[in-house]
Amino acid sequence: MSEDILDVDLLAFERGSDSQRKAVVDGVMRSLATGFVFTSHDLSEDMLDTTYAMLFEFFNKPLEEKRRYIAAGANGQTGYTDVLVETAEVSDKPDWKEMLNWGKQMEPGHPMRRKFPQAYPDQVLPEASVPGISKVLYAFHDAMIDLQTRFLRIIAVGLGCKDSFFDEMVDNGCALNRAIRYPSMKQVPDEGHVWAAEHGDINLITALPRATAKGLQVKTGGKWIDAVPPAGHVILNTGIMLERLTNGVIPIGWHRVVADPDFDGERYSIVQFCHPRPSTLLAPLPTCVTKDNPLRYPTVTAGDALDEVIYRINLVEGARRVTKS
């Protein structure tokens, strides 16, 4: 297995020759042996600058004001989440981070929202505290889901499927955006806390277009390596749902976020978790089940898989397995 995170060109896949497309697909599939890949992109840098500026303004509001945007009953799927709440499944220490979560505001009559209201909650955004932020965050959501849908076409081809295989699956899926502020480790209340402990994401793929400081580490070849992409590139990693769909051909991208011992500052990042529709059956693809790779996973729905992980990472408000120390 390769231990290198490769740098690929999404636009070459979309606009290049057959040989260029093939090279991109090959690079992506080799890199995803680590669960991670870097890619060029056509996201607006102005959009990213504006998004970060408004989120910085929000996160620097008084704690009492930020807590007004906790969405009761949403289990962390929209609104504000305080520090020392989300907890990696492998840890009994909550992560040292605070978050603002949002997705697409789905119309009440949409069949996905009527059938899966928990996956499509009314969005809670800090418009009253940061005027104009809702428009900016929804634009960020749309740009990121477009980018991830396009990147999934490369993965589809690499799996022997038609390039549009994932398109319908993620159209009106419950993609979740998460802006994260990791406070300075100098403020940590006791030993054992890190910014974010080792974990794998539940979704298909996750995209991180920018962070203000290093800290993301990838587990590959039994060791931790820093994920430092070339300037102007997006980091993408694979999740549990994609591992199930591919019968383990594409593994989970295990990662953590830890501060450098010599770094006393805080870190900001924004990720988008690309989820399929909750009704999606996570049945291993026939192209991924062979004599040498027999069927590993039973079929479950994406909604059930998501609900289980939300519980395990301590976000279900009525069932906290870990509380603040």
Protein backbone atom coordinates (compact mmCIF):
# COMPACT_ATOMS: atom_id res chain seq x y z
CA MET A 1 0.00 0.00 0.00
CA SER A 2 1.26 3.45 -0.86
CA GLU A 3 2.03 5.68 2.10
CA ASP A 4 2.04 8.85 -0.02
CA ILE A 5 -0.79 11.37 -0.35
CA LEU A 6 -0.76 12.33 -4.01
CA ASP A 7 -1.62 15.62 -5.69
CA VAL A 8 -4.09 15.33 -8.58
CA ASP A 9 -5.77 17.73 -11.00
CA LEU A 10 -9.57 17.67 -10.98
CA LEU A 11 -9.72 20.04 -13.95
CA ALA A 12 -7.47 17.75 -16.03
CA PHE A 13 -9.99 14.96 -15.48
CA GLU A 14 -12.83 17.20 -16.61
CA ARG A 15 -11.12 18.94 -19.53
CA GLY A 16 -8.13 16.80 -20.49
CA SER A 17 -7.48 14.08 -23.01
CA ASP A 18 -8.31 10.42 -22.43
CA SER A 19 -4.75 9.77 -21.29
CA GLN A 20 -4.89 12.71 -18.85
CA ARG A 21 -8.21 11.50 -17.44
CA LYS A 22 -6.79 8.03 -17.00
CA ALA A 23 -3.73 9.40 -15.20
CA VAL A 24 -5.92 11.38 -12.79
CA VAL A 25 -8.08 8.34 -12.02
CA ASP A 26 -4.99 6.22 -11.41
CA GLY A 27 -3.48 8.86 -9.13
CA VAL A 28 -6.67 9.21 -7.10
CA MET A 29 -7.11 5.48 -6.60
CA ARG A 30 -3.47 5.02 -5.57
CA SER A 31 -3.60 7.96 -3.18
CA LEU A 32 -6.85 6.79 -1.58
CA ALA A 33 -4.99 3.75 -0.27
CA THR A 34 -4.09 6.28 2.45
CA GLY A 35 -7.68 7.56 2.63
CA PHE A 36 -6.47 10.99 1.49
CA VAL A 37 -5.74 12.92 -1.69
CA PHE A 38 -4.93 16.55 -2.58
CA THR A 39 -6.56 18.20 -5.58
CA SER A 40 -6.47 21.44 -7.50
CA HIS A 41 -9.78 23.29 -7.57
CA ASP A 42 -11.67 26.23 -9.03
CA LEU A 43 -13.23 27.53 -5.82
CA SER A 44 -13.31 31.30 -5.49
CA GLU A 45 -10.56 32.53 -3.19
CA ASP A 46 -12.68 35.62 -2.47
CA MET A 47 -15.50 33.33 -1.32
CA LEU A 48 -13.13 31.46 0.98
CA ASP A 49 -11.69 34.71 2.35
CA THR A 50 -15.15 36.12 3.06
CA THR A 51 -16.37 32.89 4.66
CA TYR A 52 -13.39 32.69 6.98
CA ALA A 53 -13.64 36.35 7.93
CA MET A 54 -17.30 36.06 8.93
CA LEU A 55 -16.72 32.85 10.86
CA PHE A 56 -13.77 34.42 12.66
CA GLU A 57 -16.09 37.25 13.69
CA PHE A 58 -18.65 34.77 15.01
CA PHE A 59 -16.22 32.59 16.96
CA ASN A 60 -14.82 35.67 18.69
CA LYS A 61 -18.20 36.68 20.09
CA PRO A 62 -18.80 36.15 23.83
CA LEU A 63 -19.56 32.54 24.73
CA GLU A 64 -23.03 33.44 25.98
CA GLU A 65 -23.86 34.93 22.60
CA LYS A 66 -22.56 31.91 20.67
CA ARG A 67 -24.59 29.56 22.83
CA ARG A 68 -27.77 31.29 21.69
CA TYR A 69 -27.28 29.39 18.43
CA ILE A 70 -27.28 25.90 19.93
CA ALA A 71 -30.00 24.01 18.07
CA ALA A 72 -31.80 21.97 20.71
CA GLY A 73 -32.62 18.48 19.52
CA ALA A 74 -30.50 18.69 16.35
CA ASN A 75 -27.69 16.52 17.78
CA GLY A 76 -24.98 18.73 16.33
CA GLN A 77 -26.34 18.72 12.78
CA THR A 78 -26.87 22.46 12.72
CA GLY A 79 -26.06 25.45 14.91
CA TYR A 80 -23.34 25.91 17.50
CA THR A 81 -21.55 23.14 19.40
CA ASP A 82 -19.45 24.06 22.42
CA VAL A 83 -15.95 22.83 23.25
CA LEU A 84 -15.61 19.48 25.04
CA VAL A 85 -18.74 17.94 23.49
CA GLU A 86 -17.92 15.87 20.40
CA THR A 87 -15.84 12.87 21.40
CA ALA A 88 -14.04 10.45 19.10
CA GLU A 89 -15.36 6.90 19.41
CA VAL A 90 -11.94 5.62 20.51
CA SER A 91 -11.59 8.28 23.24
CA ASP A 92 -13.16 9.11 26.59
CA LYS A 93 -11.89 12.70 26.43
CA PRO A 94 -14.01 15.21 24.49
CA ASP A 95 -12.32 17.08 21.65
CA TRP A 96 -10.90 20.54 22.34
CA LYS A 97 -12.86 22.39 19.64
CA GLU A 98 -16.01 24.43 19.09
CA MET A 99 -18.07 24.27 15.93
CA LEU A 100 -20.70 25.93 13.78
CA ASN A 101 -22.63 23.43 11.67
CA TRP A 102 -24.94 23.98 8.73
CA GLY A 103 -26.36 22.37 5.61
CA LYS A 104 -28.88 23.11 2.93
CA GLN A 105 -32.17 24.59 4.09
CA MET A 106 -34.58 22.02 2.69
CA GLU A 107 -38.15 23.07 1.93
CA PRO A 108 -40.70 21.51 4.35
CA GLY A 109 -42.52 19.57 1.64
CA HIS A 110 -39.47 17.87 0.15
CA PRO A 111 -39.88 14.07 0.41
CA MET A 112 -36.43 13.64 1.97
CA ARG A 113 -37.23 16.11 4.74
CA ARG A 114 -40.70 14.66 5.36
CA LYS A 115 -39.26 11.16 5.70
CA PHE A 116 -35.99 12.07 7.46
CA PRO A 117 -36.63 15.27 9.47
CA GLN A 118 -33.65 14.66 11.78
CA ALA A 119 -31.28 14.66 8.78
CA TYR A 120 -32.71 17.93 7.39
CA PRO A 121 -33.31 20.24 10.38
CA ASP A 122 -34.21 23.89 10.16
CA GLN A 123 -30.88 25.67 9.86
CA VAL A 124 -29.69 27.70 12.84
CA LEU A 125 -27.17 30.34 11.74
CA PRO A 126 -25.89 33.42 13.61
CA GLU A 127 -27.43 35.98 11.26
CA ALA A 128 -28.38 38.30 14.13
CA SER A 129 -24.79 38.34 15.41
CA VAL A 130 -23.03 38.51 12.04
CA PRO A 131 -25.37 40.12 9.48
CA GLY A 132 -25.01 38.59 6.02
CA ILE A 133 -23.39 35.36 7.20
CA SER A 134 -26.26 33.11 6.13
CA LYS A 135 -25.96 34.05 2.45
CA VAL A 136 -22.20 33.49 2.57
CA LEU A 137 -22.43 30.11 4.30
CA TYR A 138 -25.11 28.81 1.95
CA ALA A 139 -22.98 29.87 -1.03
CA PHE A 140 -20.03 28.01 0.51
CA HIS A 141 -22.20 24.92 0.91
CA ASP A 142 -23.29 24.97 -2.73
CA ALA A 143 -19.75 25.48 -4.03
CA MET A 144 -18.36 22.66 -1.92
CA ILE A 145 -21.04 20.11 -2.77
CA ASP A 146 -20.49 20.90 -6.44
CA LEU A 147 -16.76 20.28 -6.03
CA GLN A 148 -17.27 17.01 -4.15
CA THR A 149 -19.87 15.72 -6.61
CA ARG A 150 -17.42 16.35 -9.42
CA PHE A 151 -14.60 14.61 -7.55
CA LEU A 152 -16.77 11.58 -6.86
CA ARG A 153 -16.97 11.11 -10.64
CA ILE A 154 -13.25 10.34 -10.65
CA ILE A 155 -13.74 7.78 -7.91
CA ALA A 156 -16.71 6.25 -9.76
CA VAL A 157 -14.59 5.66 -12.85
CA GLY A 158 -11.84 4.18 -10.70
CA LEU A 159 -14.35 1.70 -9.31
CA GLY A 160 -15.46 0.60 -12.77
CA CYS A 161 -18.74 2.53 -12.68
CA LYS A 162 -20.19 5.19 -14.95
CA ASP A 163 -18.82 8.58 -13.93
CA SER A 164 -22.27 9.79 -12.85
CA PHE A 165 -22.78 6.87 -10.45
CA PHE A 166 -22.74 9.04 -7.31
CA ASP A 167 -24.60 12.05 -8.77
CA GLU A 168 -28.13 11.05 -7.84
CA MET A 169 -26.96 9.56 -4.54
CA VAL A 170 -25.65 12.92 -3.27
CA ASP A 171 -28.22 15.17 -4.98
CA ASN A 172 -30.19 16.65 -2.06
CA GLY A 173 -28.16 14.51 0.31
CA CYS A 174 -27.70 15.74 3.86
CA ALA A 175 -24.23 17.22 3.33
CA LEU A 176 -22.97 18.92 6.48
CA ASN A 177 -20.61 21.88 6.68
CA ARG A 178 -18.59 22.35 9.84
CA ALA A 179 -16.56 25.42 10.75
CA ILE A 180 -14.20 24.60 13.59
CA ARG A 181 -12.23 26.74 15.98
CA TYR A 182 -9.54 24.88 17.87
CA PRO A 183 -8.61 27.07 20.87
CA SER A 184 -5.04 27.44 22.03
CA MET A 185 -3.85 24.33 23.86
CA LYS A 186 -2.67 26.63 26.65
CA GLN A 187 -6.33 26.79 27.73
CA VAL A 188 -6.90 23.02 27.96
CA PRO A 189 -8.59 22.19 31.29
CA ASP A 190 -6.64 18.99 32.01
CA GLU A 191 -4.33 16.43 30.48
CA GLY A 192 -5.57 14.02 27.82
CA HIS A 193 -7.43 16.46 25.62
CA VAL A 194 -6.29 17.08 22.04
CA TRP A 195 -7.85 19.19 19.34
CA ALA A 196 -9.50 16.12 17.77
CA ALA A 197 -8.66 12.53 18.61
CA GLU A 198 -8.14 9.76 16.05
CA HIS A 199 -11.28 9.07 14.03
CA GLY A 200 -12.76 8.24 10.65
CA ASP A 201 -15.60 10.25 9.13
CA ILE A 202 -18.96 8.55 8.56
CA ASN A 203 -19.76 10.01 5.13
CA LEU A 204 -18.60 9.29 1.56
CA ILE A 205 -15.85 11.90 1.29
CA THR A 206 -14.85 15.03 3.21
CA ALA A 207 -13.35 18.19 1.72
CA LEU A 208 -11.14 20.71 3.52
CA PRO A 209 -10.32 23.73 1.34
CA ARG A 210 -8.22 25.64 3.84
CA ALA A 211 -6.97 25.79 7.42
CA THR A 212 -5.19 28.59 9.25
CA ALA A 213 -2.54 26.36 10.85
CA LYS A 214 -1.14 22.85 10.50
CA GLY A 215 -2.41 20.10 12.74
CA LEU A 216 -4.19 17.57 10.51
CA GLN A 217 -2.42 14.23 10.58
CA VAL A 218 -3.13 11.07 8.59
CA LYS A 219 -2.56 7.53 9.80
CA THR A 220 -0.86 5.50 7.10
CA GLY A 221 1.56 2.61 7.22
CA GLY A 222 1.14 2.45 10.99
CA LYS A 223 2.43 5.97 11.55
CA TRP A 224 1.13 9.53 11.64
CA ILE A 225 2.13 11.97 8.92
CA ASP A 226 1.24 15.64 8.50
CA ALA A 227 -1.27 16.38 5.75
CA VAL A 228 0.18 19.51 4.17
CA PRO A 229 -1.20 20.13 0.66
CA PRO A 230 0.33 22.40 -1.97
CA ALA A 231 -0.91 25.98 -1.78
CA GLY A 232 -4.36 26.46 -3.27
CA HIS A 233 -5.34 22.79 -3.05
CA VAL A 234 -8.21 21.01 -1.32
CA ILE A 235 -7.68 18.04 0.98
CA LEU A 236 -10.15 15.20 0.47
CA ASN A 237 -10.52 12.12 2.63
CA THR A 238 -12.69 9.04 2.51
CA GLY A 239 -15.31 7.97 5.03
CA ILE A 240 -17.01 4.91 6.45
CA MET A 241 -19.84 4.93 3.91
CA LEU A 242 -17.46 4.81 0.97
CA GLU A 243 -15.54 1.96 2.58
CA ARG A 244 -18.79 0.00 2.92
CA LEU A 245 -19.88 0.74 -0.65
CA THR A 246 -16.52 -0.40 -2.01
CA ASN A 247 -16.26 -3.49 0.22
CA GLY A 248 -13.07 -2.10 1.69
CA VAL A 249 -11.38 -1.41 -1.65
CA ILE A 250 -11.23 2.26 -0.62
CA PRO A 251 -10.42 2.37 3.11
CA ILE A 252 -11.43 4.94 5.68
CA GLY A 253 -9.09 7.93 5.95
CA TRP A 254 -8.09 7.76 9.61
CA HIS A 255 -6.94 11.11 10.95
CA ARG A 256 -6.55 13.37 13.97
CA VAL A 257 -5.89 17.04 14.64
CA VAL A 258 -3.10 17.87 17.07
CA ALA A 259 -1.25 21.08 17.83
CA ASP A 260 2.47 21.25 17.31
CA PRO A 261 4.13 21.36 20.77
CA ASP A 262 5.80 24.64 19.78
CA PHE A 263 2.53 26.23 18.57
CA ASP A 264 0.49 28.15 21.14
CA GLY A 265 -2.10 29.66 18.82
CA GLU A 266 -5.56 28.63 17.70
CA ARG A 267 -6.58 26.95 14.44
CA TYR A 268 -9.57 27.49 12.16
CA SER A 269 -10.81 25.15 9.45
CA ILE A 270 -13.98 24.52 7.46
CA VAL A 271 -14.90 21.08 6.17
CA GLN A 272 -17.83 19.67 4.28
CA PHE A 273 -18.98 16.10 4.84
CA CYS A 274 -20.52 14.78 1.63
CA HIS A 275 -23.43 12.54 2.61
CA PRO A 276 -25.72 10.57 0.35
CA ARG A 277 -29.47 10.67 0.80
CA PRO A 278 -30.41 8.90 4.05
CA SER A 279 -32.42 6.35 2.06
CA THR A 280 -29.31 5.19 0.17
CA LEU A 281 -28.56 1.49 0.59
CA LEU A 282 -24.90 1.03 1.40
CA ALA A 283 -24.60 -2.25 -0.48
CA PRO A 284 -21.08 -3.22 -1.65
CA LEU A 285 -20.62 -2.67 -5.38
CA PRO A 286 -20.44 -5.86 -7.48
CA THR A 287 -17.15 -4.63 -8.99
CA CYS A 288 -15.64 -4.64 -5.48
CA VAL A 289 -16.67 -8.16 -4.44
CA THR A 290 -14.31 -10.82 -5.74
CA LYS A 291 -12.89 -14.20 -4.75
CA ASP A 292 -9.88 -12.42 -3.25
CA ASN A 293 -12.07 -9.76 -1.61
CA PRO A 294 -15.24 -11.52 -0.43
CA LEU A 295 -18.26 -9.65 0.84
CA ARG A 296 -17.31 -7.88 4.09
CA TYR A 297 -20.31 -5.78 5.07
CA PRO A 298 -24.06 -6.31 5.38
CA THR A 299 -26.28 -3.75 3.68
CA VAL A 300 -27.44 -0.83 5.84
CA THR A 301 -29.06 2.47 5.00
CA ALA A 302 -26.99 5.64 5.05
CA GLY A 303 -29.45 7.14 7.53
CA ASP A 304 -29.05 4.29 10.01
CA ALA A 305 -25.25 4.40 9.68
CA LEU A 306 -25.23 8.15 10.33
CA ASP A 307 -27.50 7.91 13.36
CA GLU A 308 -25.27 5.25 14.92
CA VAL A 309 -22.12 7.32 14.51
CA ILE A 310 -23.76 10.51 15.81
CA TYR A 311 -24.55 8.55 18.97
CA ARG A 312 -21.07 7.07 19.28
CA ILE A 313 -19.32 10.45 18.96
CA ASN A 314 -21.35 11.89 21.82
CA LEU A 315 -23.60 14.28 19.88
CA VAL A 316 -27.00 12.84 20.86
CA GLU A 317 -28.18 15.28 23.48
CA GLY A 318 -30.24 12.80 25.47
CA ALA A 319 -27.54 10.13 25.52
CA ARG A 320 -24.17 11.69 26.27
CA ARG A 321 -21.67 8.94 27.06
CA VAL A 322 -19.04 11.54 27.99
CA THR A 323 -19.62 14.85 29.77
CA LYS A 324 -17.35 17.81 30.38
CA SER A 325 -14.81 17.24 33.11
